[in-house]
């Protein structure tokens, strides 16, 4: 008997899809010289959600790219298994 996968709420899936688009991200320089990565709020594009802080702008962009890849993998997992070969 297979165990059922936990159901992920639709609003969470929509957030994951949202943060996989780099156009929904930005980098802000803070007064202390660090750089903060932020993504646009899903339901309010005038609001930004802070995610990480890095010492360099390159580090901040790399953090964004890593976050995008992380959420793409999460979306792939919820698709479930795919048939790659069948036999007759």
PDB file of N, CA and C in Angstrom:
ATOM      1  N   UNK A   1       0.835  -1.172   0.000  1.00  0.00           N
ATOM      2  CA  UNK A   1       0.000   0.000   0.000  1.00  0.00           C
ATOM      3  C   UNK A   1       0.889   1.247   0.000  1.00  0.00           C
ATOM      4  N   UNK A   2       0.594   2.187  -0.892  1.00  0.00           N
ATOM      5  CA  UNK A   2       1.375   3.421  -0.953  1.00  0.00           C
ATOM      6  C   UNK A   2       0.811   4.446   0.018  1.00  0.00           C
ATOM      7  N   UNK A   3       1.728   5.193   0.643  1.00  0.00           N
ATOM      8  CA  UNK A   3       1.288   6.294   1.492  1.00  0.00           C
ATOM      9  C   UNK A   3       0.967   7.474   0.609  1.00  0.00           C
ATOM     10  N   UNK A   4      -0.074   8.201   0.961  1.00  0.00           N
ATOM     11  CA  UNK A   4      -0.464   9.391   0.193  1.00  0.00           C
ATOM     12  C   UNK A   4       0.513  10.525   0.485  1.00  0.00           C
ATOM     13  N   UNK A   5       0.839  11.251  -0.557  1.00  0.00           N
ATOM     14  CA  UNK A   5       1.669  12.440  -0.384  1.00  0.00           C
ATOM     15  C   UNK A   5       0.834  13.524   0.297  1.00  0.00           C
ATOM     16  N   UNK A   6       1.423  14.296   1.195  1.00  0.00           N
ATOM     17  CA  UNK A   6       0.653  15.386   1.797  1.00  0.00           C
ATOM     18  C   UNK A   6       0.257  16.393   0.713  1.00  0.00           C
ATOM     19  N   UNK A   7      -0.954  16.880   0.804  1.00  0.00           N
ATOM     20  CA  UNK A   7      -1.430  17.847  -0.167  1.00  0.00           C
ATOM     21  C   UNK A   7      -0.884  19.230   0.168  1.00  0.00           C
ATOM     22  N   UNK A   8      -0.311  19.868  -0.827  1.00  0.00           N
ATOM     23  CA  UNK A   8       0.246  21.207  -0.639  1.00  0.00           C
ATOM     24  C   UNK A   8      -0.826  22.207  -1.062  1.00  0.00           C
ATOM     25  N   UNK A   9      -1.135  23.155  -0.192  1.00  0.00           N
ATOM     26  CA  UNK A   9      -2.185  24.126  -0.511  1.00  0.00           C
ATOM     27  C   UNK A   9      -1.874  24.905  -1.798  1.00  0.00           C
ATOM     28  N   UNK A  10      -2.908  25.217  -2.534  1.00  0.00           N
ATOM     29  CA  UNK A  10      -2.774  25.920  -3.814  1.00  0.00           C
ATOM     30  C   UNK A  10      -2.063  27.266  -3.657  1.00  0.00           C
ATOM     31  N   UNK A  11      -2.304  27.973  -2.543  1.00  0.00           N
ATOM     32  CA  UNK A  11      -1.649  29.271  -2.353  1.00  0.00           C
ATOM     33  C   UNK A  11      -0.135  29.117  -2.206  1.00  0.00           C
ATOM     34  N   UNK A  12       0.312  28.004  -1.619  1.00  0.00           N
ATOM     35  CA  UNK A  12       1.753  27.746  -1.490  1.00  0.00           C
ATOM     36  C   UNK A  12       2.342  27.427  -2.866  1.00  0.00           C
ATOM     37  N   UNK A  13       1.655  26.614  -3.639  1.00  0.00           N
ATOM     38  CA  UNK A  13       2.122  26.286  -4.994  1.00  0.00           C
ATOM     39  C   UNK A  13       2.208  27.552  -5.834  1.00  0.00           C
ATOM     40  N   UNK A  14       1.215  28.423  -5.708  1.00  0.00           N
ATOM     41  CA  UNK A  14       1.237  29.689  -6.461  1.00  0.00           C
ATOM     42  C   UNK A  14       2.415  30.561  -6.036  1.00  0.00           C
ATOM     43  N   UNK A  15       2.740  30.568  -4.742  1.00  0.00           N
ATOM     44  CA  UNK A  15       3.899  31.333  -4.270  1.00  0.00           C
ATOM     45  C   UNK A  15       5.180  30.760  -4.864  1.00  0.00           C
ATOM     46  N   UNK A  16       5.319  29.424  -4.841  1.00  0.00           N
ATOM     47  CA  UNK A  16       6.509  28.800  -5.409  1.00  0.00           C
ATOM     48  C   UNK A  16       6.663  29.158  -6.882  1.00  0.00           C
ATOM     49  N   UNK A  17       5.566  29.124  -7.635  1.00  0.00           N
ATOM     50  CA  UNK A  17       5.623  29.500  -9.060  1.00  0.00           C
ATOM     51  C   UNK A  17       6.043  30.962  -9.205  1.00  0.00           C
ATOM     52  N   UNK A  18       5.522  31.800  -8.335  1.00  0.00           N
ATOM     53  CA  UNK A  18       5.811  33.239  -8.365  1.00  0.00           C
ATOM     54  C   UNK A  18       7.303  33.517  -8.156  1.00  0.00           C
ATOM     55  N   UNK A  19       7.907  32.842  -7.166  1.00  0.00           N
ATOM     56  CA  UNK A  19       9.311  33.127  -6.841  1.00  0.00           C
ATOM     57  C   UNK A  19      10.291  32.432  -7.784  1.00  0.00           C
ATOM     58  N   UNK A  20       9.803  31.605  -8.696  1.00  0.00           N
ATOM     59  CA  UNK A  20      10.705  31.023  -9.695  1.00  0.00           C
ATOM     60  C   UNK A  20      10.935  31.962 -10.872  1.00  0.00           C
ATOM     61  N   UNK A  21      10.256  33.102 -10.891  1.00  0.00           N
ATOM     62  CA  UNK A  21      10.451  34.095 -11.958  1.00  0.00           C
ATOM     63  C   UNK A  21      11.378  35.198 -11.442  1.00  0.00           C
ATOM     64  N   UNK A  22      12.514  35.347 -12.079  1.00  0.00           N
ATOM     65  CA  UNK A  22      13.511  36.313 -11.600  1.00  0.00           C
ATOM     66  C   UNK A  22      12.982  37.750 -11.641  1.00  0.00           C
ATOM     67  N   UNK A  23      12.012  38.003 -12.520  1.00  0.00           N
ATOM     68  CA  UNK A  23      11.445  39.353 -12.600  1.00  0.00           C
ATOM     69  C   UNK A  23      10.668  39.731 -11.332  1.00  0.00           C
ATOM     70  N   UNK A  24      10.394  38.780 -10.460  1.00  0.00           N
ATOM     71  CA  UNK A  24       9.716  39.060  -9.196  1.00  0.00           C
ATOM     72  C   UNK A  24      10.696  39.282  -8.049  1.00  0.00           C
ATOM     73  N   UNK A  25      11.970  39.434  -8.372  1.00  0.00           N
ATOM     74  CA  UNK A  25      13.017  39.640  -7.375  1.00  0.00           C
ATOM     75  C   UNK A  25      13.698  40.988  -7.567  1.00  0.00           C
ATOM     76  N   UNK A  26      14.296  41.469  -6.497  1.00  0.00           N
ATOM     77  CA  UNK A  26      15.156  42.660  -6.571  1.00  0.00           C
ATOM     78  C   UNK A  26      16.207  42.586  -5.477  1.00  0.00           C
ATOM     79  N   UNK A  27      17.228  43.431  -5.617  1.00  0.00           N
ATOM     80  CA  UNK A  27      18.298  43.538  -4.623  1.00  0.00           C
ATOM     81  C   UNK A  27      18.307  44.983  -4.143  1.00  0.00           C
ATOM     82  N   UNK A  28      18.341  45.159  -2.824  1.00  0.00           N
ATOM     83  CA  UNK A  28      18.338  46.486  -2.214  1.00  0.00           C
ATOM     84  C   UNK A  28      19.620  46.645  -1.402  1.00  0.00           C
ATOM     85  N   UNK A  29      20.277  47.795  -1.557  1.00  0.00           N
ATOM     86  CA  UNK A  29      21.450  48.065  -0.721  1.00  0.00           C
ATOM     87  C   UNK A  29      20.977  48.668   0.598  1.00  0.00           C
ATOM     88  N   UNK A  30      21.417  48.061   1.696  1.00  0.00           N
ATOM     89  CA  UNK A  30      21.039  48.520   3.029  1.00  0.00           C
ATOM     90  C   UNK A  30      22.013  49.578   3.536  1.00  0.00           C
ATOM     91  N   UNK A  31      21.614  50.378   4.536  1.00  0.00           N
ATOM     92  CA  UNK A  31      22.504  51.422   5.063  1.00  0.00           C
ATOM     93  C   UNK A  31      23.835  50.891   5.591  1.00  0.00           C
ATOM     94  N   UNK A  32      23.868  49.619   6.024  1.00  0.00           N
ATOM     95  CA  UNK A  32      25.108  49.049   6.549  1.00  0.00           C
ATOM     96  C   UNK A  32      26.026  48.509   5.451  1.00  0.00           C
ATOM     97  N   UNK A  33      25.620  48.692   4.179  1.00  0.00           N
ATOM     98  CA  UNK A  33      26.446  48.257   3.053  1.00  0.00           C
ATOM     99  C   UNK A  33      26.145  46.852   2.567  1.00  0.00           C
ATOM    100  N   UNK A  34      25.320  46.131   3.290  1.00  0.00           N
ATOM    101  CA  UNK A  34      24.931  44.796   2.839  1.00  0.00           C
ATOM    102  C   UNK A  34      23.848  44.906   1.768  1.00  0.00           C
ATOM    103  N   UNK A  35      23.609  43.804   1.092  1.00  0.00           N
ATOM    104  CA  UNK A  35      22.589  43.752   0.047  1.00  0.00           C
ATOM    105  C   UNK A  35      21.509  42.767   0.472  1.00  0.00           C
ATOM    106  N   UNK A  36      20.280  43.185   0.322  1.00  0.00           N
ATOM    107  CA  UNK A  36      19.141  42.355   0.723  1.00  0.00           C
ATOM    108  C   UNK A  36      18.373  41.908  -0.516  1.00  0.00           C
ATOM    109  N   UNK A  37      18.079  40.617  -0.579  1.00  0.00           N
ATOM    110  CA  UNK A  37      17.256  40.113  -1.671  1.00  0.00           C
ATOM    111  C   UNK A  37      15.802  40.154  -1.220  1.00  0.00           C
ATOM    112  N   UNK A  38      14.943  40.529  -2.141  1.00  0.00           N
ATOM    113  CA  UNK A  38      13.515  40.617  -1.847  1.00  0.00           C
ATOM    114  C   UNK A  38      12.729  40.085  -3.038  1.00  0.00           C
ATOM    115  N   UNK A  39      11.593  39.477  -2.749  1.00  0.00           N
ATOM    116  CA  UNK A  39      10.684  39.116  -3.843  1.00  0.00           C
ATOM    117  C   UNK A  39       9.386  39.869  -3.663  1.00  0.00           C
ATOM    118  N   UNK A  40       8.756  40.115  -4.794  1.00  0.00           N
ATOM    119  CA  UNK A  40       7.493  40.831  -4.804  1.00  0.00           C
ATOM    120  C   UNK A  40       6.430  39.965  -4.122  1.00  0.00           C
ATOM    121  N   UNK A  41       5.601  40.581  -3.299  1.00  0.00           N
ATOM    122  CA  UNK A  41       4.488  39.868  -2.663  1.00  0.00           C
ATOM    123  C   UNK A  41       3.564  39.333  -3.752  1.00  0.00           C
ATOM    124  N   UNK A  42       3.094  38.129  -3.559  1.00  0.00           N
ATOM    125  CA  UNK A  42       2.261  37.478  -4.567  1.00  0.00           C
ATOM    126  C   UNK A  42       0.977  38.251  -4.843  1.00  0.00           C
ATOM    127  N   UNK A  43       0.310  38.706  -3.789  1.00  0.00           N
ATOM    128  CA  UNK A  43      -0.996  39.349  -3.954  1.00  0.00           C
ATOM    129  C   UNK A  43      -0.951  40.872  -3.950  1.00  0.00           C
ATOM    130  N   UNK A  44       0.247  41.444  -3.820  1.00  0.00           N
ATOM    131  CA  UNK A  44       0.365  42.900  -3.792  1.00  0.00           C
ATOM    132  C   UNK A  44       1.716  43.286  -4.381  1.00  0.00           C
ATOM    133  N   UNK A  45       1.744  43.638  -5.639  1.00  0.00           N
ATOM    134  CA  UNK A  45       3.032  43.861  -6.294  1.00  0.00           C
ATOM    135  C   UNK A  45       3.738  45.133  -5.846  1.00  0.00           C
ATOM    136  N   UNK A  46       3.113  45.928  -4.976  1.00  0.00           N
ATOM    137  CA  UNK A  46       3.784  47.102  -4.422  1.00  0.00           C
ATOM    138  C   UNK A  46       4.532  46.773  -3.125  1.00  0.00           C
ATOM    139  N   UNK A  47       4.367  45.551  -2.631  1.00  0.00           N
ATOM    140  CA  UNK A  47       5.000  45.131  -1.384  1.00  0.00           C
ATOM    141  C   UNK A  47       6.087  44.108  -1.679  1.00  0.00           C
ATOM    142  N   UNK A  48       7.214  44.250  -0.978  1.00  0.00           N
ATOM    143  CA  UNK A  48       8.356  43.349  -1.163  1.00  0.00           C
ATOM    144  C   UNK A  48       8.635  42.602   0.127  1.00  0.00           C
ATOM    145  N   UNK A  49       9.009  41.346   0.012  1.00  0.00           N
ATOM    146  CA  UNK A  49       9.296  40.487   1.160  1.00  0.00           C
ATOM    147  C   UNK A  49      10.805  40.234   1.195  1.00  0.00           C
ATOM    148  N   UNK A  50      11.449  40.596   2.313  1.00  0.00           N
ATOM    149  CA  UNK A  50      12.898  40.372   2.390  1.00  0.00           C
ATOM    150  C   UNK A  50      13.174  38.896   2.630  1.00  0.00           C
ATOM    151  N   UNK A  51      14.265  38.414   1.997  1.00  0.00           N
ATOM    152  CA  UNK A  51      14.583  36.989   2.047  1.00  0.00           C
ATOM    153  C   UNK A  51      15.959  36.755   2.652  1.00  0.00           C
ATOM    154  N   UNK A  52      16.997  37.311   2.067  1.00  0.00           N
ATOM    155  CA  UNK A  52      18.352  37.085   2.571  1.00  0.00           C
ATOM    156  C   UNK A  52      19.166  38.369   2.522  1.00  0.00           C
ATOM    157  N   UNK A  53      20.291  38.349   3.228  1.00  0.00           N
ATOM    158  CA  UNK A  53      21.242  39.460   3.175  1.00  0.00           C
ATOM    159  C   UNK A  53      22.608  38.893   2.820  1.00  0.00           C
ATOM    160  N   UNK A  54      23.309  39.607   1.963  1.00  0.00           N
ATOM    161  CA  UNK A  54      24.639  39.181   1.533  1.00  0.00           C
ATOM    162  C   UNK A  54      25.586  40.383   1.550  1.00  0.00           C
ATOM    163  N   UNK A  55      26.885  40.082   1.583  1.00  0.00           N
ATOM    164  CA  UNK A  55      27.890  41.149   1.640  1.00  0.00           C
ATOM    165  C   UNK A  55      28.130  41.806   0.288  1.00  0.00           C
ATOM    166  N   UNK A  56      27.894  41.074  -0.803  1.00  0.00           N
ATOM    167  CA  UNK A  56      28.145  41.631  -2.133  1.00  0.00           C
ATOM    168  C   UNK A  56      26.899  41.506  -2.996  1.00  0.00           C
ATOM    169  N   UNK A  57      26.828  42.332  -4.014  1.00  0.00           N
ATOM    170  CA  UNK A  57      25.703  42.262  -4.938  1.00  0.00           C
ATOM    171  C   UNK A  57      25.746  40.944  -5.719  1.00  0.00           C
ATOM    172  N   UNK A  58      26.962  40.465  -6.000  1.00  0.00           N
ATOM    173  CA  UNK A  58      27.101  39.177  -6.686  1.00  0.00           C
ATOM    174  C   UNK A  58      26.573  38.041  -5.819  1.00  0.00           C
ATOM    175  N   UNK A  59      26.893  38.102  -4.523  1.00  0.00           N
ATOM    176  CA  UNK A  59      26.398  37.102  -3.589  1.00  0.00           C
ATOM    177  C   UNK A  59      24.878  37.139  -3.475  1.00  0.00           C
ATOM    178  N   UNK A  60      24.327  38.349  -3.516  1.00  0.00           N
ATOM    179  CA  UNK A  60      22.871  38.489  -3.445  1.00  0.00           C
ATOM    180  C   UNK A  60      22.214  37.891  -4.682  1.00  0.00           C
ATOM    181  N   UNK A  61      22.783  38.153  -5.850  1.00  0.00           N
ATOM    182  CA  UNK A  61      22.198  37.592  -7.075  1.00  0.00           C
ATOM    183  C   UNK A  61      22.321  36.071  -7.091  1.00  0.00           C
ATOM    184  N   UNK A  62      23.441  35.571  -6.598  1.00  0.00           N
ATOM    185  CA  UNK A  62      23.612  34.117  -6.527  1.00  0.00           C
ATOM    186  C   UNK A  62      22.574  33.509  -5.580  1.00  0.00           C
ATOM    187  N   UNK A  63      22.274  34.201  -4.482  1.00  0.00           N
ATOM    188  CA  UNK A  63      21.251  33.723  -3.543  1.00  0.00           C
ATOM    189  C   UNK A  63      19.879  33.678  -4.208  1.00  0.00           C
ATOM    190  N   UNK A  64      19.578  34.684  -5.027  1.00  0.00           N
ATOM    191  CA  UNK A  64      18.314  34.691  -5.766  1.00  0.00           C
ATOM    192  C   UNK A  64      18.265  33.505  -6.722  1.00  0.00           C
ATOM    193  N   UNK A  65      19.343  33.307  -7.475  1.00  0.00           N
ATOM    194  CA  UNK A  65      19.384  32.189  -8.425  1.00  0.00           C
ATOM    195  C   UNK A  65      19.222  30.849  -7.711  1.00  0.00           C
ATOM    196  N   UNK A  66      19.844  30.716  -6.547  1.00  0.00           N
ATOM    197  CA  UNK A  66      19.718  29.483  -5.771  1.00  0.00           C
ATOM    198  C   UNK A  66      18.288  29.288  -5.266  1.00  0.00           C
ATOM    199  N   UNK A  67      17.657  30.367  -4.846  1.00  0.00           N
ATOM    200  CA  UNK A  67      16.263  30.283  -4.393  1.00  0.00           C
ATOM    201  C   UNK A  67      15.350  29.866  -5.534  1.00  0.00           C
ATOM    202  N   UNK A  68      15.572  30.429  -6.700  1.00  0.00           N
ATOM    203  CA  UNK A  68      14.761  30.078  -7.876  1.00  0.00           C
ATOM    204  C   UNK A  68      14.900  28.587  -8.173  1.00  0.00           C
ATOM    205  N   UNK A  69      16.126  28.081  -8.176  1.00  0.00           N
ATOM    206  CA  UNK A  69      16.346  26.656  -8.438  1.00  0.00           C
ATOM    207  C   UNK A  69      15.701  25.783  -7.357  1.00  0.00           C
ATOM    208  N   UNK A  70      15.789  26.214  -6.118  1.00  0.00           N
ATOM    209  CA  UNK A  70      15.182  25.477  -5.009  1.00  0.00           C
ATOM    210  C   UNK A  70      13.668  25.323  -5.219  1.00  0.00           C
ATOM    211  N   UNK A  71      12.999  26.417  -5.564  1.00  0.00           N
ATOM    212  CA  UNK A  71      11.544  26.349  -5.738  1.00  0.00           C
ATOM    213  C   UNK A  71      11.155  25.628  -7.019  1.00  0.00           C
ATOM    214  N   UNK A  72      11.985  25.684  -8.035  1.00  0.00           N
ATOM    215  CA  UNK A  72      11.712  24.886  -9.236  1.00  0.00           C
ATOM    216  C   UNK A  72      11.747  23.394  -8.908  1.00  0.00           C
ATOM    217  N   UNK A  73      12.703  22.990  -8.067  1.00  0.00           N
ATOM    218  CA  UNK A  73      12.792  21.586  -7.658  1.00  0.00           C
ATOM    219  C   UNK A  73      11.568  21.181  -6.837  1.00  0.00           C
ATOM    220  N   UNK A  74      11.111  22.058  -5.963  1.00  0.00           N
ATOM    221  CA  UNK A  74       9.922  21.757  -5.163  1.00  0.00           C
ATOM    222  C   UNK A  74       8.706  21.565  -6.074  1.00  0.00           C
ATOM    223  N   UNK A  75       8.592  22.395  -7.094  1.00  0.00           N
ATOM    224  CA  UNK A  75       7.470  22.260  -8.032  1.00  0.00           C
ATOM    225  C   UNK A  75       7.563  20.959  -8.809  1.00  0.00           C
ATOM    226  N   UNK A  76       8.772  20.579  -9.168  1.00  0.00           N
ATOM    227  CA  UNK A  76       8.962  19.329  -9.914  1.00  0.00           C
ATOM    228  C   UNK A  76       8.558  18.125  -9.063  1.00  0.00           C
ATOM    229  N   UNK A  77       8.889  18.147  -7.786  1.00  0.00           N
ATOM    230  CA  UNK A  77       8.562  17.041  -6.894  1.00  0.00           C
ATOM    231  C   UNK A  77       7.053  16.857  -6.770  1.00  0.00           C
ATOM    232  N   UNK A  78       6.303  17.948  -6.698  1.00  0.00           N
ATOM    233  CA  UNK A  78       4.860  17.801  -6.526  1.00  0.00           C
ATOM    234  C   UNK A  78       4.160  17.321  -7.792  1.00  0.00           C
ATOM    235  N   UNK A  79       4.864  17.364  -8.919  1.00  0.00           N
ATOM    236  CA  UNK A  79       4.287  16.801 -10.140  1.00  0.00           C
ATOM    237  C   UNK A  79       4.148  15.285 -10.017  1.00  0.00           C
ATOM    238  N   UNK A  80       4.944  14.712  -9.135  1.00  0.00           N
ATOM    239  CA  UNK A  80       4.900  13.266  -8.946  1.00  0.00           C
ATOM    240  C   UNK A  80       5.746  12.560  -9.977  1.00  0.00           C
ATOM    241  N   UNK A  81       5.732  11.223  -9.904  1.00  0.00           N
ATOM    242  CA  UNK A  81       6.553  10.455 -10.837  1.00  0.00           C
ATOM    243  C   UNK A  81       6.017  10.557 -12.264  1.00  0.00           C
ATOM    244  N   UNK A  82       6.913  10.394 -13.217  1.00  0.00           N
ATOM    245  CA  UNK A  82       6.485  10.371 -14.622  1.00  0.00           C
ATOM    246  C   UNK A  82       6.919   9.055 -15.244  1.00  0.00           C
ATOM    247  N   UNK A  83       6.091   8.560 -16.104  1.00  0.00           N
ATOM    248  CA  UNK A  83       6.393   7.296 -16.783  1.00  0.00           C
ATOM    249  C   UNK A  83       7.479   7.565 -17.816  1.00  0.00           C
ATOM    250  N   UNK A  84       8.550   6.806 -17.758  1.00  0.00           N
ATOM    251  CA  UNK A  84       9.632   6.967 -18.709  1.00  0.00           C
ATOM    252  C   UNK A  84       9.704   5.818 -19.702  1.00  0.00           C
ATOM    253  N   UNK A  85       9.066   4.688 -19.346  1.00  0.00           N
ATOM    254  CA  UNK A  85       9.068   3.569 -20.262  1.00  0.00           C
ATOM    255  C   UNK A  85       7.967   2.593 -19.843  1.00  0.00           C
ATOM    256  N   UNK A  86       7.271   2.067 -20.827  1.00  0.00           N
ATOM    257  CA  UNK A  86       6.261   1.037 -20.554  1.00  0.00           C
ATOM    258  C   UNK A  86       6.585  -0.185 -21.389  1.00  0.00           C
ATOM    259  N   UNK A  87       6.103  -1.350 -20.933  1.00  0.00           N
ATOM    260  CA  UNK A  87       6.378  -2.612 -21.628  1.00  0.00           C
ATOM    261  C   UNK A  87       5.069  -3.294 -21.976  1.00  0.00           C
ATOM    262  N   UNK A  88       5.100  -4.066 -23.079  1.00  0.00           N
ATOM    263  CA  UNK A  88       3.918  -4.841 -23.480  1.00  0.00           C
ATOM    264  C   UNK A  88       4.201  -6.303 -23.381  1.00  0.00           C
TER     265      UNK A  88
END
